[in-house]
Amino acid sequence: MKRLILASLLMCSPAHALSYNEGVSMGSWIAFCQAVRYNDYKDPGLARHLAHSAYEELDDENKAWARDIFPECTPNQ
């Protein structure tokens, strides 16, 4: 139990907050991108909108990676 509390305190530090937010943003974008690519969403237009919105939350390095790997899930620029 002490280790769990210590780990949660360390993960809540500001240094880890940035990497955690980047991970959540990237995970959201990947999930919506897969919905766009495999037409696995009830409303394809909404899935595309959500993928583009999640893309805007990514940092510059992840945006470049996303454009290279799955350009169909990124807005035309």
C-alpha atoms as a PDB file:
ATOM      1  CA  MET A   1       0.000   0.000   0.000  1.00  0.00           C
ATOM      2  CA  LYS A   2       2.855   2.385   0.803  1.00  0.00           C
ATOM      3  CA  ARG A   3       4.371   1.778  -2.630  1.00  0.00           C
ATOM      4  CA  LEU A   4       1.060   2.506  -4.330  1.00  0.00           C
ATOM      5  CA  ILE A   5       0.718   5.811  -2.487  1.00  0.00           C
ATOM      6  CA  LEU A   6       4.314   6.759  -3.219  1.00  0.00           C
ATOM      7  CA  ALA A   7       3.930   5.902  -6.896  1.00  0.00           C
ATOM      8  CA  SER A   8       0.737   7.931  -7.184  1.00  0.00           C
ATOM      9  CA  LEU A   9       2.428  10.927  -5.549  1.00  0.00           C
ATOM     10  CA  LEU A  10       5.382  10.702  -7.910  1.00  0.00           C
ATOM     11  CA  MET A  11       3.138  10.377 -10.975  1.00  0.00           C
ATOM     12  CA  CYS A  12       1.212  13.501  -9.938  1.00  0.00           C
ATOM     13  CA  SER A  13       4.307  15.670 -10.124  1.00  0.00           C
ATOM     14  CA  PRO A  14       4.340  18.424 -12.774  1.00  0.00           C
ATOM     15  CA  ALA A  15       7.184  16.707 -14.622  1.00  0.00           C
ATOM     16  CA  HIS A  16       5.025  13.680 -15.321  1.00  0.00           C
ATOM     17  CA  ALA A  17       1.900  15.678 -16.026  1.00  0.00           C
ATOM     18  CA  LEU A  18       3.141  16.779 -19.433  1.00  0.00           C
ATOM     19  CA  SER A  19       4.056  13.297 -20.587  1.00  0.00           C
ATOM     20  CA  TYR A  20       0.777  11.925 -19.235  1.00  0.00           C
ATOM     21  CA  ASN A  21      -1.246  14.544 -21.134  1.00  0.00           C
ATOM     22  CA  GLU A  22       0.724  13.847 -24.303  1.00  0.00           C
ATOM     23  CA  GLY A  23      -0.011  10.144 -23.925  1.00  0.00           C
ATOM     24  CA  VAL A  24      -3.708  10.737 -23.419  1.00  0.00           C
ATOM     25  CA  SER A  25      -3.850  13.053 -26.437  1.00  0.00           C
ATOM     26  CA  MET A  26      -1.993  10.574 -28.623  1.00  0.00           C
ATOM     27  CA  GLY A  27      -4.170   7.693 -27.433  1.00  0.00           C
ATOM     28  CA  SER A  28      -7.339   9.644 -28.195  1.00  0.00           C
ATOM     29  CA  TRP A  29      -6.091  10.527 -31.661  1.00  0.00           C
ATOM     30  CA  ILE A  30      -5.141   6.914 -32.421  1.00  0.00           C
ATOM     31  CA  ALA A  31      -8.544   5.663 -31.250  1.00  0.00           C
ATOM     32  CA  PHE A  32     -10.455   8.147 -33.405  1.00  0.00           C
ATOM     33  CA  CYS A  33      -8.098   7.573 -36.334  1.00  0.00           C
ATOM     34  CA  GLN A  34      -8.803   3.854 -36.203  1.00  0.00           C
ATOM     35  CA  ALA A  35     -12.522   4.617 -36.180  1.00  0.00           C
ATOM     36  CA  VAL A  36     -12.030   6.704 -39.338  1.00  0.00           C
ATOM     37  CA  ARG A  37      -9.805   4.170 -41.094  1.00  0.00           C
ATOM     38  CA  TYR A  38     -11.988   1.137 -40.405  1.00  0.00           C
ATOM     39  CA  ASN A  39     -15.340   2.954 -40.616  1.00  0.00           C
ATOM     40  CA  ASP A  40     -16.005   1.767 -37.088  1.00  0.00           C
ATOM     41  CA  TYR A  41     -18.153   4.675 -35.928  1.00  0.00           C
ATOM     42  CA  LYS A  42     -21.853   5.261 -36.409  1.00  0.00           C
ATOM     43  CA  ASP A  43     -21.296   8.712 -37.925  1.00  0.00           C
ATOM     44  CA  PRO A  44     -18.151   8.812 -40.118  1.00  0.00           C
ATOM     45  CA  GLY A  45     -18.226  12.618 -40.261  1.00  0.00           C
ATOM     46  CA  LEU A  46     -18.204  12.842 -36.479  1.00  0.00           C
ATOM     47  CA  ALA A  47     -15.339  10.338 -36.262  1.00  0.00           C
ATOM     48  CA  ARG A  48     -13.328  12.432 -38.725  1.00  0.00           C
ATOM     49  CA  HIS A  49     -14.129  15.598 -36.747  1.00  0.00           C
ATOM     50  CA  LEU A  50     -13.046  13.945 -33.486  1.00  0.00           C
ATOM     51  CA  ALA A  51      -9.823  12.682 -35.070  1.00  0.00           C
ATOM     52  CA  HIS A  52      -9.025  16.165 -36.363  1.00  0.00           C
ATOM     53  CA  SER A  53      -9.838  17.703 -32.976  1.00  0.00           C
ATOM     54  CA  ALA A  54      -7.609  15.204 -31.178  1.00  0.00           C
ATOM     55  CA  TYR A  55      -4.873  15.892 -33.745  1.00  0.00           C
ATOM     56  CA  GLU A  56      -4.904  19.590 -32.837  1.00  0.00           C
ATOM     57  CA  GLU A  57      -4.096  18.688 -29.207  1.00  0.00           C
ATOM     58  CA  LEU A  58      -0.887  16.850 -30.160  1.00  0.00           C
ATOM     59  CA  ASP A  59       2.539  18.436 -29.819  1.00  0.00           C
ATOM     60  CA  ASP A  60       4.578  19.220 -32.936  1.00  0.00           C
ATOM     61  CA  GLU A  61       6.621  15.988 -32.947  1.00  0.00           C
ATOM     62  CA  ASN A  62       3.539  13.809 -32.643  1.00  0.00           C
ATOM     63  CA  LYS A  63       1.767  15.841 -35.335  1.00  0.00           C
ATOM     64  CA  ALA A  64       4.658  15.191 -37.722  1.00  0.00           C
ATOM     65  CA  TRP A  65       4.547  11.478 -36.912  1.00  0.00           C
ATOM     66  CA  ALA A  66       0.786  11.398 -37.399  1.00  0.00           C
ATOM     67  CA  ARG A  67       1.027  13.110 -40.811  1.00  0.00           C
ATOM     68  CA  ASP A  68       3.635  10.571 -41.932  1.00  0.00           C
ATOM     69  CA  ILE A  69       1.887   7.433 -40.679  1.00  0.00           C
ATOM     70  CA  PHE A  70      -1.842   8.144 -41.121  1.00  0.00           C
ATOM     71  CA  PRO A  71      -2.352  11.208 -43.325  1.00  0.00           C
ATOM     72  CA  GLU A  72      -6.024  10.338 -43.838  1.00  0.00           C
ATOM     73  CA  CYS A  73      -6.636  11.134 -40.143  1.00  0.00           C
ATOM     74  CA  THR A  74      -5.019  14.565 -40.208  1.00  0.00           C
ATOM     75  CA  PRO A  75      -6.487  17.789 -41.538  1.00  0.00           C
ATOM     76  CA  ASN A  76      -5.183  18.918 -44.927  1.00  0.00           C
ATOM     77  CA  GLN A  77      -2.550  21.561 -44.427  1.00  0.00           C
END
